Amino acid sequence: MGSDYYETLEINRNATYADIKQSYRRLALKFHPSCNKESGSGERFGQLGEAYEVLSDPRKKATYDKFGDEGLKGGIPPEFGNSGAWSSKYVYHGNPEKTFKQFFGGDNPFADFYTNDAPLQFGGLEPGVVKTQDSHIERDLHLSLDDLFHGCTKKIKISRRVMNEDGYTSSIKDKILTIDVKPGWKEGTRIIFPKEGDQGPNSIPADIVFIVRQKSHPLFVRQHNDLIYKAQISLEMALTGFSVDVETLDGRLLSIPINDIVHPAYKKVVTGEGMPLSQDPSQRGNLIITFDIQFPEKLSAERKQLIKQALSFKY
């Protein structure tokens, strides 16, 4: 039976790179021979070094996840040789102290954990250790144009690692984050939940950042605070006038008369019928109507003559 690196590091198979680092940090400090004199701690320390070296390397981890311990150490089958995974037979160098020093940096990885030559206790919150915050975690928040027009409330469930009371172990717990979407928010708006990421004994949880991504709409295209609406009209309508009916995002029906001759670059601007302004939702952008003029595909000689006569006057 091969090694279970995930079990060794006390993490599940969905663990992130940050999870792997946090778990190795906690367990390596706990079982380091200079701090733990219990029987078997040295062997456990060595297992931790090998597990971390494999799971922290994307290629080794990919091979282990797909082919297990046998495929990692015995070499993957030839038919999978072009999969991009680690193709050589993996052999741990057998020096967990080397892995430990590389992880913490420097020749004395315990330098940060001593004050006035007195060793500190490991596990939980170690006095004298400068805690650094994990990199923020970004997630897309997909919202419809209606959501961004009216505003809404979104509740999002996250799963995160939470430290248990013993200060050594952790567990996965769910939490509901509530986002109050304000009318007029734009694509790219960032909503930050400070320190809601995974907890670790010697790190500050990461901030979770949601970034607004606007879904496409069947009728409108948003341009900053304006809404663009494209109307299809015939050539006759473009030359003789018509009205455009537009149903707004708040359910009203606008009937907009067009008395100008509509040329390909023509736009009709309806003031104050666009998106709410996020800084003042009582103010709104504009509705801009563009036109797709449908020309006839064929004209008979008689119709061409009639058009010539109609357009022969001076204008």
Protein backbone atom coordinates (compact mmCIF):
# COMPACT_ATOMS: atom_id res chain seq x y z
CA MET A 1 0.00 0.00 0.00
CA GLY A 2 1.55 3.32 -1.05
CA SER A 3 1.75 6.53 0.88
CA ASP A 4 -1.31 8.76 1.17
CA TYR A 5 0.24 12.21 1.02
CA TYR A 6 -3.06 13.95 1.64
CA GLU A 7 -3.62 11.93 4.81
CA THR A 8 -0.06 12.64 5.90
CA LEU A 9 -0.65 16.40 5.62
CA GLU A 10 -4.16 16.08 7.09
CA ILE A 11 -5.86 17.71 4.10
CA ASN A 12 -8.42 16.60 1.55
CA ARG A 13 -7.90 16.17 -2.17
CA ASN A 14 -9.54 19.50 -2.94
CA ALA A 15 -6.91 21.35 -0.92
CA THR A 16 -5.42 24.45 -2.49
CA TYR A 17 -1.72 25.27 -2.66
CA ALA A 18 -2.26 27.61 0.31
CA ASP A 19 -3.84 24.72 2.25
CA ILE A 20 -0.84 22.51 1.50
CA LYS A 21 1.61 25.16 2.70
CA GLN A 22 -0.35 25.94 5.85
CA SER A 23 -0.69 22.29 6.81
CA TYR A 24 2.98 21.53 6.21
CA ARG A 25 4.02 24.57 8.22
CA ARG A 26 1.88 23.53 11.17
CA LEU A 27 2.80 19.83 11.18
CA ALA A 28 6.51 20.26 10.39
CA LEU A 29 6.90 22.60 13.35
CA LYS A 30 4.94 20.21 15.53
CA PHE A 31 6.96 17.08 14.65
CA HIS A 32 10.42 18.58 14.10
CA PRO A 33 12.90 16.41 16.08
CA SER A 34 14.33 19.45 17.89
CA CYS A 35 10.91 20.22 19.35
CA ASN A 36 9.26 16.81 19.58
CA LYS A 37 11.10 14.02 21.40
CA GLU A 38 8.24 11.54 21.25
CA SER A 39 8.84 8.18 19.63
CA GLY A 40 8.01 8.20 15.94
CA SER A 41 8.17 11.97 15.52
CA GLY A 42 11.29 11.70 13.35
CA GLU A 43 9.62 9.24 11.02
CA ARG A 44 6.51 11.45 10.82
CA PHE A 45 8.71 14.46 10.11
CA GLY A 46 10.27 12.60 7.18
CA GLN A 47 6.84 11.62 5.82
CA LEU A 48 5.75 15.24 5.98
CA GLY A 49 8.76 16.37 3.95
CA GLU A 50 8.08 13.85 1.19
CA ALA A 51 4.35 14.63 1.12
CA TYR A 52 4.99 18.36 0.87
CA GLU A 53 7.60 17.97 -1.86
CA VAL A 54 5.13 15.99 -4.01
CA LEU A 55 1.93 17.96 -3.42
CA SER A 56 3.57 21.39 -3.69
CA ASP A 57 4.93 20.54 -7.17
CA PRO A 58 2.12 20.79 -9.78
CA ARG A 59 3.58 18.11 -12.07
CA LYS A 60 4.34 15.60 -9.31
CA LYS A 61 0.94 16.27 -7.77
CA ALA A 62 -0.81 15.76 -11.14
CA THR A 63 0.91 12.39 -11.58
CA TYR A 64 0.13 11.33 -8.01
CA ASP A 65 -3.53 12.37 -8.31
CA LYS A 66 -3.95 10.42 -11.56
CA PHE A 67 -1.71 7.38 -11.10
CA GLY A 68 -1.20 7.18 -7.34
CA ASP A 69 1.96 6.35 -5.44
CA GLU A 70 2.75 3.47 -7.79
CA GLY A 71 2.65 5.63 -10.90
CA LEU A 72 4.64 8.41 -9.24
CA LYS A 73 7.48 6.18 -8.06
CA GLY A 74 7.31 3.44 -10.67
CA GLY A 75 6.83 5.63 -13.74
CA ILE A 76 3.58 6.18 -15.60
CA PRO A 77 2.46 3.75 -18.33
CA PRO A 78 3.87 4.50 -21.82
CA GLU A 79 0.44 5.19 -23.27
CA PHE A 80 0.18 8.18 -20.95
CA GLY A 81 3.65 9.45 -21.68
CA ASN A 82 2.50 12.55 -23.55
CA SER A 83 0.04 13.67 -20.91
CA GLY A 84 2.36 16.40 -19.68
CA ALA A 85 2.64 14.82 -16.21
CA TRP A 86 5.87 13.89 -14.44
CA SER A 87 7.19 11.03 -16.53
CA SER A 88 10.30 10.05 -14.53
CA LYS A 89 10.30 7.75 -11.55
CA TYR A 90 10.14 9.91 -8.46
CA VAL A 91 12.54 9.26 -5.58
CA TYR A 92 12.47 11.41 -2.45
CA HIS A 93 15.96 12.64 -1.55
CA GLY A 94 15.40 11.40 2.01
CA ASN A 95 16.45 14.61 3.75
CA PRO A 96 13.36 16.15 5.38
CA GLU A 97 15.58 18.76 7.08
CA LYS A 98 16.50 20.05 3.60
CA THR A 99 12.81 20.36 2.70
CA PHE A 100 12.17 22.11 6.02
CA LYS A 101 14.96 24.66 5.48
CA GLN A 102 13.89 25.33 1.90
CA PHE A 103 10.35 25.97 3.08
CA PHE A 104 11.27 28.39 5.85
CA GLY A 105 14.39 29.82 4.21
CA GLY A 106 17.86 30.24 5.66
CA ASP A 107 20.14 27.88 7.51
CA ASN A 108 18.29 28.38 10.79
CA PRO A 109 14.57 27.98 10.13
CA PHE A 110 13.90 28.33 13.86
CA ALA A 111 15.43 31.82 14.07
CA ASP A 112 12.03 33.49 13.93
CA PHE A 113 10.71 31.28 16.72
CA TYR A 114 13.25 32.14 19.44
CA THR A 115 13.33 35.18 21.69
CA ASN A 116 16.22 35.82 24.08
CA ASP A 117 17.49 32.30 23.34
CA ALA A 118 14.31 30.82 24.84
CA PRO A 119 12.41 28.49 22.49
CA LEU A 120 8.75 29.28 22.02
CA GLN A 121 5.91 26.79 22.03
CA PHE A 122 4.72 25.63 18.64
CA GLY A 123 1.10 25.27 17.66
CA GLY A 124 -1.63 27.86 17.90
CA LEU A 125 -0.46 31.46 17.90
CA GLU A 126 3.27 31.58 18.49
CA PRO A 127 4.49 34.79 20.18
CA GLY A 128 7.22 36.46 18.23
CA VAL A 129 6.09 35.10 14.86
CA VAL A 130 5.25 37.81 12.35
CA LYS A 131 2.05 36.69 10.65
CA THR A 132 1.63 37.47 6.97
CA GLN A 133 -1.65 37.58 5.12
CA ASP A 134 -2.36 35.09 2.36
CA SER A 135 -2.90 36.50 -1.14
CA HIS A 136 -6.46 37.60 -1.78
CA ILE A 137 -8.86 35.22 -3.49
CA GLU A 138 -10.83 36.48 -6.48
CA ARG A 139 -14.21 35.11 -7.57
CA ASP A 140 -16.48 36.30 -10.39
CA LEU A 141 -19.97 37.49 -9.48
CA HIS A 142 -22.20 37.12 -12.54
CA LEU A 143 -25.13 39.54 -12.52
CA SER A 144 -27.85 40.27 -15.04
CA LEU A 145 -28.47 43.77 -16.36
CA ASP A 146 -31.75 43.76 -14.44
CA ASP A 147 -29.85 43.00 -11.21
CA LEU A 148 -27.55 45.95 -11.87
CA PHE A 149 -30.46 48.23 -12.82
CA HIS A 150 -32.66 47.56 -9.79
CA GLY A 151 -30.10 46.37 -7.25
CA CYS A 152 -30.53 43.08 -5.39
CA THR A 153 -29.18 40.89 -2.62
CA LYS A 154 -27.02 37.86 -3.40
CA LYS A 155 -26.16 35.20 -0.83
CA ILE A 156 -23.10 33.10 -1.63
CA LYS A 157 -22.02 30.00 0.27
CA ILE A 158 -18.29 29.51 0.69
CA SER A 159 -16.38 26.63 2.25
CA ARG A 160 -13.26 27.55 4.17
CA ARG A 161 -10.79 25.97 6.54
CA VAL A 162 -11.29 27.06 10.16
CA MET A 163 -8.85 26.41 12.98
CA ASN A 164 -10.16 24.24 15.79
CA GLU A 165 -9.85 25.22 19.44
CA ASP A 166 -6.74 23.06 19.92
CA GLY A 167 -4.79 25.42 17.64
CA TYR A 168 -3.32 22.50 15.68
CA THR A 169 -6.09 20.97 13.66
CA SER A 170 -8.61 22.53 11.32
CA SER A 171 -11.89 21.66 9.69
CA ILE A 172 -13.91 22.75 6.68
CA LYS A 173 -16.96 24.85 7.47
CA ASP A 174 -19.52 26.61 5.29
CA LYS A 175 -20.40 30.28 5.61
CA ILE A 176 -22.93 32.49 3.85
CA LEU A 177 -21.64 35.82 2.52
CA THR A 178 -24.26 38.47 1.72
CA ILE A 179 -23.70 41.00 -1.08
CA ASP A 180 -26.02 43.98 -1.38
CA VAL A 181 -25.81 44.89 -5.06
CA LYS A 182 -26.34 48.63 -5.54
CA PRO A 183 -28.20 50.00 -8.59
CA GLY A 184 -25.74 51.15 -11.23
CA TRP A 185 -22.78 48.97 -10.31
CA LYS A 186 -20.53 48.42 -13.33
CA GLU A 187 -18.56 45.53 -14.74
CA GLY A 188 -15.40 45.14 -12.68
CA THR A 189 -16.82 46.48 -9.40
CA ARG A 190 -14.97 44.74 -6.55
CA ILE A 191 -16.63 43.65 -3.31
CA ILE A 192 -14.14 42.75 -0.57
CA PHE A 193 -14.77 40.48 2.41
CA PRO A 194 -11.74 40.95 4.66
CA LYS A 195 -10.08 37.85 6.15
CA GLU A 196 -12.75 35.37 5.07
CA GLY A 197 -10.27 32.95 3.50
CA ASP A 198 -8.79 29.79 5.01
CA GLN A 199 -7.47 30.12 8.55
CA GLY A 200 -4.00 28.92 9.52
CA PRO A 201 -2.02 28.96 12.77
CA ASN A 202 0.66 31.35 11.53
CA SER A 203 -1.05 33.33 8.79
CA ILE A 204 -3.74 35.95 8.39
CA PRO A 205 -6.69 34.67 6.34
CA ALA A 206 -6.91 35.99 2.80
CA ASP A 207 -9.46 38.58 1.76
CA ILE A 208 -12.15 37.22 -0.56
CA VAL A 209 -12.86 39.56 -3.47
CA PHE A 210 -15.90 39.24 -5.71
CA ILE A 211 -15.68 40.94 -9.11
CA VAL A 212 -18.87 41.92 -10.92
CA ARG A 213 -19.27 40.32 -14.36
CA GLN A 214 -22.29 41.52 -16.31
CA LYS A 215 -24.31 38.98 -18.26
CA SER A 216 -25.44 39.83 -21.79
CA HIS A 217 -28.98 41.13 -22.30
CA PRO A 218 -31.26 40.27 -25.26
CA LEU A 219 -32.29 43.90 -25.94
CA PHE A 220 -29.74 46.29 -24.48
CA VAL A 221 -25.98 46.75 -24.59
CA ARG A 222 -24.53 48.75 -21.73
CA GLN A 223 -21.99 51.48 -22.43
CA HIS A 224 -20.90 53.04 -19.12
CA ASN A 225 -24.17 54.51 -17.80
CA ASP A 226 -25.95 54.47 -21.17
CA LEU A 227 -28.08 51.73 -22.68
CA ILE A 228 -27.84 51.00 -26.41
CA TYR A 229 -30.93 49.67 -28.17
CA LYS A 230 -30.87 48.65 -31.84
CA ALA A 231 -34.10 48.93 -33.84
CA GLN A 232 -34.59 47.25 -37.20
CA ILE A 233 -36.44 49.45 -39.70
CA SER A 234 -37.22 49.40 -43.39
CA LEU A 235 -35.82 51.89 -45.91
CA GLU A 236 -39.30 53.35 -46.25
CA MET A 237 -39.45 54.00 -42.49
CA ALA A 238 -35.97 55.52 -42.54
CA LEU A 239 -37.07 58.04 -45.18
CA THR A 240 -40.64 58.80 -44.11
CA GLY A 241 -40.66 58.64 -40.31
CA PHE A 242 -42.02 56.21 -37.71
CA SER A 243 -42.01 55.57 -33.96
CA VAL A 244 -39.99 53.06 -31.93
CA ASP A 245 -41.50 51.16 -28.99
CA VAL A 246 -38.96 50.25 -26.30
CA GLU A 247 -39.80 48.37 -23.11
CA THR A 248 -37.53 49.67 -20.35
CA LEU A 249 -35.85 47.60 -17.66
CA ASP A 250 -38.37 48.90 -15.13
CA GLY A 251 -41.33 47.71 -17.22
CA ARG A 252 -42.46 50.91 -18.91
CA LEU A 253 -43.20 51.14 -22.64
CA LEU A 254 -41.66 54.13 -24.37
CA SER A 255 -43.02 55.20 -27.74
CA ILE A 256 -40.37 57.38 -29.32
CA PRO A 257 -41.23 59.31 -32.52
CA ILE A 258 -38.53 59.52 -35.20
CA ASN A 259 -39.19 62.42 -37.56
CA ASP A 260 -35.66 62.77 -38.92
CA ILE A 261 -34.37 60.93 -41.94
CA VAL A 262 -32.44 57.96 -40.55
CA HIS A 263 -29.04 57.50 -42.15
CA PRO A 264 -26.62 54.70 -41.19
CA ALA A 265 -24.81 56.82 -38.56
CA TYR A 266 -27.98 58.31 -37.08
CA LYS A 267 -28.66 57.87 -33.36
CA LYS A 268 -31.61 58.94 -31.26
CA VAL A 269 -30.72 59.93 -27.69
CA VAL A 270 -33.44 59.71 -25.04
CA THR A 271 -32.17 61.56 -21.98
CA GLY A 272 -32.45 59.97 -18.55
CA GLU A 273 -33.60 56.51 -19.65
CA GLY A 274 -30.32 54.66 -19.16
CA MET A 275 -28.72 53.00 -16.12
CA PRO A 276 -28.85 54.50 -12.62
CA LEU A 277 -25.65 56.22 -11.52
CA SER A 278 -24.09 54.21 -8.70
CA GLN A 279 -23.12 57.36 -6.77
CA ASP A 280 -26.67 58.77 -7.12
CA PRO A 281 -29.30 56.24 -8.31
CA SER A 282 -31.85 59.04 -8.73
CA GLN A 283 -29.79 60.17 -11.75
CA ARG A 284 -29.61 58.05 -14.87
CA GLY A 285 -27.68 57.80 -18.08
CA ASN A 286 -29.25 57.91 -21.53
CA LEU A 287 -31.02 55.49 -23.81
CA ILE A 288 -29.34 55.57 -27.21
CA ILE A 289 -31.27 54.06 -30.11
CA THR A 290 -29.32 52.93 -33.16
CA PHE A 291 -30.87 51.64 -36.35
CA ASP A 292 -30.36 48.69 -38.63
CA ILE A 293 -31.88 49.76 -41.96
CA GLN A 294 -33.19 46.84 -44.02
CA PHE A 295 -32.69 47.55 -47.73
CA PRO A 296 -34.74 45.62 -50.32
CA GLU A 297 -32.83 42.79 -51.94
CA LYS A 298 -34.42 43.31 -55.39
CA LEU A 299 -36.36 46.02 -57.20
CA SER A 300 -38.31 45.73 -60.41
CA ALA A 301 -37.65 48.18 -63.23
CA GLU A 302 -41.00 49.84 -62.53
CA ARG A 303 -40.21 50.33 -58.84
CA LYS A 304 -36.76 51.70 -59.66
CA GLN A 305 -38.37 54.24 -61.97
CA LEU A 306 -40.83 55.28 -59.27
CA ILE A 307 -38.00 55.73 -56.78
CA LYS A 308 -36.03 57.82 -59.26
CA GLN A 309 -39.04 60.02 -59.81
CA ALA A 310 -39.63 60.37 -56.06
CA LEU A 311 -36.02 61.33 -55.43
CA SER A 312 -35.53 63.53 -58.45
CA PHE A 313 -36.69 66.65 -56.67
CA LYS A 314 -34.09 68.95 -55.18
CA TYR A 315 -33.69 68.78 -51.43
